Amino acid sequence: MSLTSALLEHEVAPGTERLRTSDVSSLTIVIFASGSRGDVQPYVALGLFLQEKGHRVFIATEERMRPLVEEFQLQFRRLGGDPTGFLFEPDGCVRLAKASMFELVKITEAWDKKYPKDQILSTYVTCAEDADVIISAALTMTASYSLAEKLNIPWIPIPLGATLPTSAFPLWALERIAVCSCLNKWSYNLAFKMLWQSESKYINPWREHILGLPPITVPRGIADILDIVQPPIIIA
């Protein structure tokens, strides 16, 4: 199924009705992709494909990724912060390789304190300007979903790899804890709850005071939103 077909056929995706009545031959598509080169490069490939189909494409990512985006003649929009910047510290990759899920959360929270959240979220708003469709990588899902909700436009999460809850195997960071298959899905749910406990401290005030949206009150944050909203999801 093509991207456009997925949007038009999915009844409950945010903004679907608006898209049905618009010109889908040429859309302004903003792809939010945050992280390392490995996190961003697949979305550059997607952006090239969509651009070849006649769409206007912007890649919203950190300043560190600007050369990659512009190398392929795609339009760059700057996201504030640098959530995976600790990987480029002298012992960053070593710490990540040995870290448990709980340690990873602590490392990430400590690193994130370098960047004021209100400034980062303001760049999300700027990056979404004039978008007809928002596509999101895993690390940008909650903020980009909130923008799509505010703008009433379609939102398509495209996570890389095993990101969403499944009973087939445990989350990689909790493999040591999920010692039997009955705990596989639990490992994802635990991770999403921990992530949302951290995110909710700044996402909900932003939703209420800047976007004029109600707070997210579900316990797993974006994982529960996916179950409720049921957007078209592409797992790459």
Protein backbone atom coordinates (compact mmCIF):
# COMPACT_ATOMS: atom_id res chain seq x y z
CA MET A 1 0.00 0.00 0.00
CA SER A 2 1.35 3.46 -0.89
CA LEU A 3 1.75 6.21 1.69
CA THR A 4 -1.11 8.18 0.15
CA SER A 5 -3.35 5.10 0.06
CA ALA A 6 -2.61 4.37 3.71
CA LEU A 7 -3.64 7.89 4.62
CA LEU A 8 -6.82 7.91 2.56
CA GLU A 9 -8.05 4.50 3.65
CA HIS A 10 -7.42 4.88 7.38
CA GLU A 11 -10.58 6.29 8.94
CA VAL A 12 -9.24 7.23 12.37
CA ALA A 13 -5.93 8.88 11.52
CA PRO A 14 -5.81 12.54 12.66
CA GLY A 15 -6.62 14.92 9.81
CA THR A 16 -7.63 12.19 7.35
CA GLU A 17 -10.83 13.95 6.29
CA ARG A 18 -8.90 17.13 5.59
CA LEU A 19 -6.46 15.20 3.40
CA ARG A 20 -9.27 13.56 1.42
CA THR A 21 -10.48 16.96 0.26
CA SER A 22 -7.04 18.34 -0.56
CA ASP A 23 -4.68 17.86 -3.47
CA VAL A 24 -2.71 14.74 -2.53
CA SER A 25 -0.57 14.91 -5.66
CA SER A 26 1.78 17.39 -3.97
CA LEU A 27 1.96 17.50 -0.16
CA THR A 28 4.27 19.30 2.24
CA ILE A 29 5.66 16.46 4.34
CA VAL A 30 7.77 17.05 7.44
CA ILE A 31 9.76 14.04 8.65
CA PHE A 32 10.82 14.29 12.30
CA ALA A 33 13.89 12.10 12.85
CA SER A 34 16.18 12.51 15.83
CA GLY A 35 19.32 10.68 16.86
CA SER A 36 22.51 9.29 15.38
CA ARG A 37 23.24 8.96 11.67
CA GLY A 38 21.84 5.43 11.79
CA ASP A 39 18.60 6.83 13.23
CA VAL A 40 18.28 9.56 10.59
CA GLN A 41 19.67 8.15 7.33
CA PRO A 42 16.68 5.83 6.57
CA TYR A 43 14.39 8.87 6.69
CA VAL A 44 16.64 10.68 4.24
CA ALA A 45 16.08 7.73 1.87
CA LEU A 46 12.33 7.98 2.50
CA GLY A 47 12.46 11.73 1.90
CA LEU A 48 14.19 11.22 -1.45
CA PHE A 49 11.50 8.74 -2.50
CA LEU A 50 8.68 11.10 -1.51
CA GLN A 51 10.40 14.02 -3.22
CA GLU A 52 10.66 12.01 -6.43
CA LYS A 53 6.89 11.48 -6.20
CA GLY A 54 6.39 15.24 -6.37
CA HIS A 55 6.03 16.06 -2.68
CA ARG A 56 7.75 18.89 -0.84
CA VAL A 57 9.83 17.24 1.89
CA PHE A 58 11.57 18.62 4.96
CA ILE A 59 13.77 16.59 7.32
CA ALA A 60 13.52 17.96 10.85
CA THR A 61 16.55 16.80 12.83
CA GLU A 62 19.46 18.06 14.92
CA GLU A 63 22.06 20.48 13.56
CA ARG A 64 24.63 17.67 13.65
CA MET A 65 22.68 15.92 10.86
CA ARG A 66 22.41 18.96 8.56
CA PRO A 67 25.32 17.87 6.28
CA LEU A 68 23.69 14.46 5.72
CA VAL A 69 20.33 15.99 4.79
CA GLU A 70 21.77 18.64 2.51
CA GLU A 71 24.18 16.19 0.86
CA PHE A 72 21.11 14.62 -0.75
CA GLN A 73 19.55 17.98 -1.67
CA LEU A 74 16.72 17.63 0.82
CA GLN A 75 15.42 20.61 2.82
CA PHE A 76 16.62 20.77 6.42
CA ARG A 77 14.74 22.08 9.44
CA ARG A 78 16.58 22.30 12.76
CA LEU A 79 15.36 20.50 15.86
CA GLY A 80 16.79 21.78 19.12
CA GLY A 81 18.74 19.61 21.53
CA ASP A 82 20.75 16.49 20.81
CA PRO A 83 19.21 13.47 22.60
CA THR A 84 21.85 10.97 21.46
CA GLY A 85 24.80 13.31 21.78
CA PHE A 86 26.18 11.29 24.69
CA LEU A 87 27.13 8.61 22.15
CA PHE A 88 29.84 10.96 20.91
CA GLU A 89 31.36 11.41 24.34
CA PRO A 90 34.65 9.47 24.86
CA ASP A 91 32.97 6.64 26.80
CA GLY A 92 29.46 7.06 25.41
CA CYS A 93 29.18 3.90 23.31
CA VAL A 94 30.86 1.80 26.00
CA ARG A 95 28.35 2.97 28.61
CA LEU A 96 25.43 2.33 26.25
CA ALA A 97 26.59 -1.20 25.45
CA LYS A 98 26.71 -2.12 29.13
CA ALA A 99 23.69 -0.14 30.35
CA SER A 100 20.45 -1.66 31.55
CA MET A 101 17.16 0.03 30.69
CA PHE A 102 17.14 1.77 34.06
CA GLU A 103 20.72 3.00 33.60
CA LEU A 104 19.92 4.14 30.06
CA VAL A 105 17.05 6.29 31.35
CA LYS A 106 19.38 7.86 33.94
CA ILE A 107 22.07 8.53 31.32
CA THR A 108 19.53 10.09 28.96
CA GLU A 109 17.92 12.26 31.64
CA ALA A 110 21.32 13.52 32.80
CA TRP A 111 22.32 14.37 29.24
CA ASP A 112 18.96 16.04 28.46
CA LYS A 113 19.50 18.55 31.26
CA LYS A 114 21.99 20.26 28.96
CA TYR A 115 19.11 21.42 26.74
CA PRO A 116 16.06 23.41 28.02
CA LYS A 117 12.92 21.51 27.01
CA ASP A 118 10.88 24.61 26.23
CA GLN A 119 13.47 25.69 23.67
CA ILE A 120 13.53 22.24 22.07
CA LEU A 121 9.73 22.06 21.85
CA SER A 122 9.56 25.53 20.30
CA THR A 123 11.70 24.23 17.42
CA TYR A 124 9.19 21.40 16.91
CA VAL A 125 6.49 24.01 16.34
CA THR A 126 8.69 25.87 13.85
CA CYS A 127 9.62 22.68 12.01
CA ALA A 128 5.96 21.72 11.55
CA GLU A 129 5.09 25.01 9.85
CA ASP A 130 2.84 24.56 6.75
CA ALA A 131 2.96 20.73 7.00
CA ASP A 132 0.20 18.67 5.35
CA VAL A 133 1.54 15.41 6.81
CA ILE A 134 3.90 14.64 9.69
CA ILE A 135 6.03 11.48 9.66
CA SER A 136 7.78 10.54 12.89
CA ALA A 137 10.72 8.43 13.94
CA ALA A 138 10.65 6.72 17.36
CA LEU A 139 12.41 9.41 19.39
CA THR A 140 10.10 12.18 18.17
CA MET A 141 6.72 10.45 18.38
CA THR A 142 5.10 12.15 21.38
CA ALA A 143 5.96 15.74 20.42
CA SER A 144 5.20 15.25 16.72
CA TYR A 145 1.90 13.53 17.49
CA SER A 146 0.91 16.50 19.65
CA LEU A 147 1.66 18.87 16.76
CA ALA A 148 -0.37 16.77 14.30
CA GLU A 149 -3.25 16.78 16.79
CA LYS A 150 -3.02 20.56 17.12
CA LEU A 151 -2.79 21.13 13.36
CA ASN A 152 -5.40 18.43 12.56
CA ILE A 153 -3.18 16.80 9.97
CA PRO A 154 -2.26 13.13 9.38
CA TRP A 155 0.50 11.69 11.53
CA ILE A 156 2.38 8.53 10.53
CA PRO A 157 4.85 6.91 12.94
CA ILE A 158 7.60 4.96 11.18
CA PRO A 159 9.79 3.40 13.89
CA LEU A 160 12.92 1.49 12.92
CA GLY A 161 13.13 -2.08 14.20
CA ALA A 162 11.29 -3.58 17.16
CA THR A 163 10.01 -0.53 19.01
CA LEU A 164 6.34 -1.25 19.67
CA PRO A 165 5.10 -3.81 22.24
CA THR A 166 5.18 -7.42 21.05
CA SER A 167 5.02 -10.80 22.77
CA ALA A 168 7.40 -12.32 20.21
CA PHE A 169 10.58 -11.18 21.98
CA PRO A 170 11.60 -8.76 24.77
CA LEU A 171 12.82 -5.23 24.42
CA TRP A 172 16.58 -5.38 23.85
CA ALA A 173 17.39 -3.30 26.94
CA LEU A 174 15.36 -5.58 29.22
CA GLU A 175 16.43 -8.98 27.88
CA ARG A 176 18.14 -9.87 31.16
CA ILE A 177 14.95 -9.21 33.13
CA ALA A 178 12.45 -10.80 30.74
CA VAL A 179 13.64 -14.33 31.47
CA CYS A 180 10.53 -16.04 30.08
CA SER A 181 8.38 -15.33 27.01
CA CYS A 182 5.45 -14.32 29.22
CA LEU A 183 7.44 -11.19 30.12
CA ASN A 184 8.23 -10.14 26.55
CA LYS A 185 5.38 -7.68 26.08
CA TRP A 186 5.72 -6.56 29.70
CA SER A 187 9.26 -5.40 28.96
CA TYR A 188 7.99 -2.94 26.33
CA ASN A 189 5.14 -1.75 28.52
CA LEU A 190 7.56 -1.09 31.39
CA ALA A 191 9.85 0.89 29.08
CA PHE A 192 6.98 3.02 27.74
CA LYS A 193 5.75 3.73 31.28
CA MET A 194 9.24 4.82 32.35
CA LEU A 195 9.63 6.95 29.23
CA TRP A 196 6.27 8.64 29.75
CA GLN A 197 7.02 9.36 33.43
CA SER A 198 10.00 11.33 32.18
CA GLU A 199 8.31 12.94 29.14
CA SER A 200 5.07 13.92 30.86
CA LYS A 201 6.88 16.48 33.04
CA TYR A 202 7.44 18.72 30.02
CA ILE A 203 5.09 17.40 27.30
CA ASN A 204 1.85 17.97 29.20
CA PRO A 205 2.65 21.59 30.24
CA TRP A 206 3.60 22.28 26.61
CA ARG A 207 0.39 20.71 25.33
CA GLU A 208 -1.74 22.72 27.75
CA HIS A 209 -0.04 26.12 27.79
CA ILE A 210 1.43 26.37 24.27
CA LEU A 211 -0.67 24.10 22.03
CA GLY A 212 -3.95 24.47 23.91
CA LEU A 213 -4.49 20.70 24.05
CA PRO A 214 -5.60 18.54 26.98
CA PRO A 215 -2.89 16.64 28.88
CA ILE A 216 -2.12 13.03 28.04
CA THR A 217 -3.30 10.98 31.02
CA VAL A 218 -2.82 7.39 29.82
CA PRO A 219 -0.11 5.46 31.73
CA ARG A 220 2.05 4.36 28.76
CA GLY A 221 2.03 7.70 26.96
CA ILE A 222 2.53 7.36 23.21
CA ALA A 223 2.07 3.57 23.30
CA ASP A 224 -1.48 4.03 24.58
CA ILE A 225 -2.06 6.87 22.11
CA LEU A 226 -1.19 4.49 19.27
CA ASP A 227 -3.78 2.00 20.53
CA ILE A 228 -6.45 4.70 20.86
CA VAL A 229 -5.84 6.74 17.69
CA GLN A 230 -4.77 3.80 15.53
CA PRO A 231 -2.81 5.71 12.89
CA PRO A 232 -1.26 3.90 9.95
CA ILE A 233 2.03 2.55 11.35
CA ILE A 234 4.95 1.49 9.16
CA ILE A 235 7.65 -0.52 10.93
CA ALA A 236 10.88 -0.38 8.97
